[in-house]
C-alpha atoms as a PDB file:
ATOM      1  CA  UNK A   1      -0.115   0.052  -0.247  1.00  0.00           C
ATOM      2  CA  UNK A   2       1.105   3.646  -0.664  1.00  0.00           C
ATOM      3  CA  UNK A   3      -0.340   7.047  -0.313  1.00  0.00           C
ATOM      4  CA  UNK A   4       0.465  10.023  -2.153  1.00  0.00           C
ATOM      5  CA  UNK A   5      -1.353  12.991  -4.315  1.00  0.00           C
ATOM      6  CA  UNK A   6      -4.085  11.886  -6.748  1.00  0.00           C
ATOM      7  CA  UNK A   7      -3.031  13.100 -10.234  1.00  0.00           C
ATOM      8  CA  UNK A   8      -4.423  12.106 -13.617  1.00  0.00           C
ATOM      9  CA  UNK A   9      -2.635  11.480 -16.843  1.00  0.00           C
ATOM     10  CA  UNK A  10      -4.932  11.904 -19.706  1.00  0.00           C
ATOM     11  CA  UNK A  11      -7.673  14.771 -20.276  1.00  0.00           C
ATOM     12  CA  UNK A  12     -11.248  13.747 -19.958  1.00  0.00           C
ATOM     13  CA  UNK A  13     -14.668  15.398 -21.004  1.00  0.00           C
ATOM     14  CA  UNK A  14     -15.817  18.194 -19.401  1.00  0.00           C
ATOM     15  CA  UNK A  15     -12.322  18.975 -17.783  1.00  0.00           C
ATOM     16  CA  UNK A  16     -11.465  22.522 -16.867  1.00  0.00           C
ATOM     17  CA  UNK A  17      -8.889  23.993 -19.431  1.00  0.00           C
ATOM     18  CA  UNK A  18      -8.376  27.433 -17.433  1.00  0.00           C
ATOM     19  CA  UNK A  19      -9.674  29.604 -14.389  1.00  0.00           C
ATOM     20  CA  UNK A  20     -11.532  33.004 -15.683  1.00  0.00           C
ATOM     21  CA  UNK A  21      -8.941  35.586 -16.045  1.00  0.00           C
ATOM     22  CA  UNK A  22      -6.018  33.964 -14.494  1.00  0.00           C
ATOM     23  CA  UNK A  23      -4.691  30.831 -16.690  1.00  0.00           C
ATOM     24  CA  UNK A  24      -1.221  31.347 -15.051  1.00  0.00           C
ATOM     25  CA  UNK A  25      -2.890  30.064 -11.552  1.00  0.00           C
ATOM     26  CA  UNK A  26      -4.368  27.438 -13.704  1.00  0.00           C
ATOM     27  CA  UNK A  27      -1.335  26.237 -14.776  1.00  0.00           C
ATOM     28  CA  UNK A  28       0.662  26.944 -11.483  1.00  0.00           C
ATOM     29  CA  UNK A  29      -2.140  24.900  -9.309  1.00  0.00           C
ATOM     30  CA  UNK A  30      -3.121  21.802 -11.881  1.00  0.00           C
ATOM     31  CA  UNK A  31      -0.586  21.240 -13.945  1.00  0.00           C
ATOM     32  CA  UNK A  32       2.957  22.494 -12.674  1.00  0.00           C
ATOM     33  CA  UNK A  33       3.160  20.556  -9.121  1.00  0.00           C
ATOM     34  CA  UNK A  34       3.205  17.137 -11.420  1.00  0.00           C
ATOM     35  CA  UNK A  35       4.822  17.613 -14.765  1.00  0.00           C
ATOM     36  CA  UNK A  36       2.566  16.149 -17.404  1.00  0.00           C
ATOM     37  CA  UNK A  37      -0.379  15.082 -14.860  1.00  0.00           C
ATOM     38  CA  UNK A  38      -3.531  16.719 -13.820  1.00  0.00           C
ATOM     39  CA  UNK A  39      -2.960  17.440  -9.880  1.00  0.00           C
ATOM     40  CA  UNK A  40      -6.491  17.027  -8.521  1.00  0.00           C
ATOM     41  CA  UNK A  41      -5.577  18.647  -5.511  1.00  0.00           C
ATOM     42  CA  UNK A  42      -6.937  15.543  -3.362  1.00  0.00           C
ATOM     43  CA  UNK A  43      -4.990  12.789  -1.348  1.00  0.00           C
ATOM     44  CA  UNK A  44      -5.307   9.228  -2.036  1.00  0.00           C
ATOM     45  CA  UNK A  45      -4.030   5.798  -0.480  1.00  0.00           C
ATOM     46  CA  UNK A  46      -4.046   2.534  -2.491  1.00  0.00           C
ATOM     47  CA  UNK A  47      -4.348  -0.488  -0.622  1.00  0.00           C
ATOM     48  CA  UNK A  48      -2.057  -3.956  -1.392  1.00  0.00           C
ATOM     49  CA  UNK A  49      -5.227  -5.221  -3.134  1.00  0.00           C
ATOM     50  CA  UNK A  50      -5.063  -1.868  -5.736  1.00  0.00           C
ATOM     51  CA  UNK A  51      -8.355  -0.468  -4.486  1.00  0.00           C
ATOM     52  CA  UNK A  52      -8.140   3.692  -4.070  1.00  0.00           C
ATOM     53  CA  UNK A  53      -9.271   5.651  -1.244  1.00  0.00           C
ATOM     54  CA  UNK A  54      -9.329   9.617  -1.104  1.00  0.00           C
ATOM     55  CA  UNK A  55      -8.146  10.868   1.788  1.00  0.00           C
ATOM     56  CA  UNK A  56      -9.208  14.450   1.635  1.00  0.00           C
ATOM     57  CA  UNK A  57      -8.123  17.689   0.385  1.00  0.00           C
ATOM     58  CA  UNK A  58      -4.275  17.933   0.493  1.00  0.00           C
ATOM     59  CA  UNK A  59      -4.250  21.816   0.496  1.00  0.00           C
ATOM     60  CA  UNK A  60      -7.459  22.046   2.783  1.00  0.00           C
ATOM     61  CA  UNK A  61      -5.394  23.695   5.909  1.00  0.00           C
ATOM     62  CA  UNK A  62      -6.620  25.174   9.343  1.00  0.00           C
ATOM     63  CA  UNK A  63      -4.780  27.750  11.500  1.00  0.00           C
ATOM     64  CA  UNK A  64      -4.962  26.486  14.984  1.00  0.00           C
ATOM     65  CA  UNK A  65      -3.025  28.860  17.512  1.00  0.00           C
ATOM     66  CA  UNK A  66      -0.877  29.572  15.149  1.00  0.00           C
ATOM     67  CA  UNK A  67      -0.458  26.247  13.893  1.00  0.00           C
ATOM     68  CA  UNK A  68      -1.000  25.349  10.180  1.00  0.00           C
ATOM     69  CA  UNK A  69      -2.694  22.032  10.212  1.00  0.00           C
ATOM     70  CA  UNK A  70      -4.147  19.740   7.422  1.00  0.00           C
ATOM     71  CA  UNK A  71      -7.734  18.404   7.856  1.00  0.00           C
ATOM     72  CA  UNK A  72      -7.045  14.986   6.459  1.00  0.00           C
ATOM     73  CA  UNK A  73      -3.865  14.583   8.688  1.00  0.00           C
ATOM     74  CA  UNK A  74      -6.398  14.995  11.767  1.00  0.00           C
ATOM     75  CA  UNK A  75      -9.069  12.848   9.787  1.00  0.00           C
ATOM     76  CA  UNK A  76      -6.637   9.922   9.724  1.00  0.00           C
ATOM     77  CA  UNK A  77      -6.101   9.725  13.361  1.00  0.00           C
ATOM     78  CA  UNK A  78      -9.750   9.965  14.280  1.00  0.00           C
ATOM     79  CA  UNK A  79     -10.647   7.122  11.504  1.00  0.00           C
ATOM     80  CA  UNK A  80      -7.960   5.038  13.480  1.00  0.00           C
ATOM     81  CA  UNK A  81     -10.371   4.687  16.618  1.00  0.00           C
ATOM     82  CA  UNK A  82     -11.990   1.436  16.569  1.00  0.00           C
ATOM     83  CA  UNK A  83     -15.664   3.324  16.826  1.00  0.00           C
ATOM     84  CA  UNK A  84     -14.919   5.729  14.029  1.00  0.00           C
ATOM     85  CA  UNK A  85     -16.031   4.566  10.181  1.00  0.00           C
ATOM     86  CA  UNK A  86     -15.476   8.034   8.506  1.00  0.00           C
ATOM     87  CA  UNK A  87     -14.876  11.796   9.581  1.00  0.00           C
ATOM     88  CA  UNK A  88     -14.886  15.128   8.517  1.00  0.00           C
ATOM     89  CA  UNK A  89     -12.716  17.937  10.353  1.00  0.00           C
ATOM     90  CA  UNK A  90     -13.212  21.486   9.729  1.00  0.00           C
ATOM     91  CA  UNK A  91     -12.073  24.789  11.350  1.00  0.00           C
ATOM     92  CA  UNK A  92     -14.269  27.223  13.030  1.00  0.00           C
ATOM     93  CA  UNK A  93     -13.686  30.984  14.707  1.00  0.00           C
ATOM     94  CA  UNK A  94     -12.665  30.863  17.951  1.00  0.00           C
ATOM     95  CA  UNK A  95     -12.854  33.832  20.323  1.00  0.00           C
ATOM     96  CA  UNK A  96     -10.057  33.304  22.488  1.00  0.00           C
ATOM     97  CA  UNK A  97      -7.387  31.825  20.164  1.00  0.00           C
ATOM     98  CA  UNK A  98      -8.433  34.480  17.349  1.00  0.00           C
ATOM     99  CA  UNK A  99      -8.003  32.245  13.972  1.00  0.00           C
ATOM    100  CA  UNK A 100      -9.650  28.898  14.750  1.00  0.00           C
ATOM    101  CA  UNK A 101     -10.051  25.812  16.704  1.00  0.00           C
ATOM    102  CA  UNK A 102     -10.974  22.133  15.241  1.00  0.00           C
ATOM    103  CA  UNK A 103     -14.592  20.818  14.758  1.00  0.00           C
ATOM    104  CA  UNK A 104     -14.700  16.953  13.678  1.00  0.00           C
ATOM    105  CA  UNK A 105     -18.212  15.242  12.747  1.00  0.00           C
ATOM    106  CA  UNK A 106     -18.043  11.718  13.024  1.00  0.00           C
ATOM    107  CA  UNK A 107     -19.773   8.323  11.265  1.00  0.00           C
ATOM    108  CA  UNK A 108     -19.779   5.485  13.865  1.00  0.00           C
ATOM    109  CA  UNK A 109     -19.438   1.484  12.951  1.00  0.00           C
ATOM    110  CA  UNK A 110     -21.862  -0.567  14.281  1.00  0.00           C
ATOM    111  CA  UNK A 111     -21.519  -1.377  17.923  1.00  0.00           C
ATOM    112  CA  UNK A 112     -19.123  -4.559  18.201  1.00  0.00           C
ATOM    113  CA  UNK A 113     -19.063  -6.713  21.510  1.00  0.00           C
ATOM    114  CA  UNK A 114     -15.777  -4.861  22.576  1.00  0.00           C
ATOM    115  CA  UNK A 115     -17.086  -1.338  22.259  1.00  0.00           C
ATOM    116  CA  UNK A 116     -18.857   0.076  25.235  1.00  0.00           C
ATOM    117  CA  UNK A 117     -21.956   2.249  23.881  1.00  0.00           C
ATOM    118  CA  UNK A 118     -21.126   5.189  26.308  1.00  0.00           C
ATOM    119  CA  UNK A 119     -18.022   5.394  24.326  1.00  0.00           C
ATOM    120  CA  UNK A 120     -19.592   5.212  21.104  1.00  0.00           C
ATOM    121  CA  UNK A 121     -22.021   8.484  21.625  1.00  0.00           C
ATOM    122  CA  UNK A 122     -20.706  10.192  25.227  1.00  0.00           C
ATOM    123  CA  UNK A 123     -17.956  12.170  26.326  1.00  0.00           C
ATOM    124  CA  UNK A 124     -16.008   8.997  26.610  1.00  0.00           C
ATOM    125  CA  UNK A 125     -15.589   9.109  23.053  1.00  0.00           C
ATOM    126  CA  UNK A 126     -14.448  12.730  22.701  1.00  0.00           C
ATOM    127  CA  UNK A 127     -11.963  12.226  25.454  1.00  0.00           C
ATOM    128  CA  UNK A 128     -10.474   9.260  23.438  1.00  0.00           C
ATOM    129  CA  UNK A 129     -10.296  11.226  20.530  1.00  0.00           C
ATOM    130  CA  UNK A 130      -8.501  14.078  22.093  1.00  0.00           C
ATOM    131  CA  UNK A 131      -6.077  11.942  23.527  1.00  0.00           C
ATOM    132  CA  UNK A 132      -5.220   9.812  20.830  1.00  0.00           C
ATOM    133  CA  UNK A 133      -4.921  13.423  18.468  1.00  0.00           C
ATOM    134  CA  UNK A 134      -2.892  14.710  21.466  1.00  0.00           C
ATOM    135  CA  UNK A 135      -0.213  11.675  20.963  1.00  0.00           C
ATOM    136  CA  UNK A 136      -0.220  11.308  17.241  1.00  0.00           C
ATOM    137  CA  UNK A 137      -0.192  14.821  16.100  1.00  0.00           C
ATOM    138  CA  UNK A 138      -0.293  17.586  19.273  1.00  0.00           C
ATOM    139  CA  UNK A 139      -2.359  18.626  22.001  1.00  0.00           C
ATOM    140  CA  UNK A 140      -3.387  21.677  20.103  1.00  0.00           C
ATOM    141  CA  UNK A 141      -5.009  19.782  17.150  1.00  0.00           C
ATOM    142  CA  UNK A 142      -7.270  18.035  19.410  1.00  0.00           C
ATOM    143  CA  UNK A 143     -10.689  19.265  18.464  1.00  0.00           C
ATOM    144  CA  UNK A 144     -12.877  21.129  21.036  1.00  0.00           C
ATOM    145  CA  UNK A 145     -15.926  19.695  19.803  1.00  0.00           C
ATOM    146  CA  UNK A 146     -17.020  16.137  18.350  1.00  0.00           C
ATOM    147  CA  UNK A 147     -20.291  15.842  16.661  1.00  0.00           C
ATOM    148  CA  UNK A 148     -21.740  12.051  15.952  1.00  0.00           C
ATOM    149  CA  UNK A 149     -24.027  11.931  13.276  1.00  0.00           C
ATOM    150  CA  UNK A 150     -27.544  11.943  14.584  1.00  0.00           C
ATOM    151  CA  UNK A 151     -28.366   9.628  11.760  1.00  0.00           C
ATOM    152  CA  UNK A 152     -27.249   6.477  13.694  1.00  0.00           C
ATOM    153  CA  UNK A 153     -24.792   4.020  13.140  1.00  0.00           C
ATOM    154  CA  UNK A 154     -23.224   2.617   9.706  1.00  0.00           C
ATOM    155  CA  UNK A 155     -22.053  -1.018   9.166  1.00  0.00           C
END
């Protein structure tokens, strides 16, 4: 398995060919980073079986307490928790920190015998995720709020 930037080697119908009034920006953003390929701006993970999984925007950066942080980086850590099926992390304004704070949205897996129901929906899960992110990235990256989707659990 391997991860990296998702790039496309051939043109396709409906492909963008410029940015209105800024063709130089189009070239610099989509064609210059990987010569000979169209850079989509997304990260991708290829499994050992050959399947591709999009990991998120590579340029989706939030600024928390002066630290630039990729949302895909936080989502990757969150998705390693045994209760989490999918996640989305975004930034939002914060009165004290100024530039931003992280907010995580979660879709949970079906409850397994080893997963405590309280951990799947309450403050325990939030605490576990904050601890995990603090260890794997940094304490400042831990989201202040964790929102579990109200639609229930997925498989």
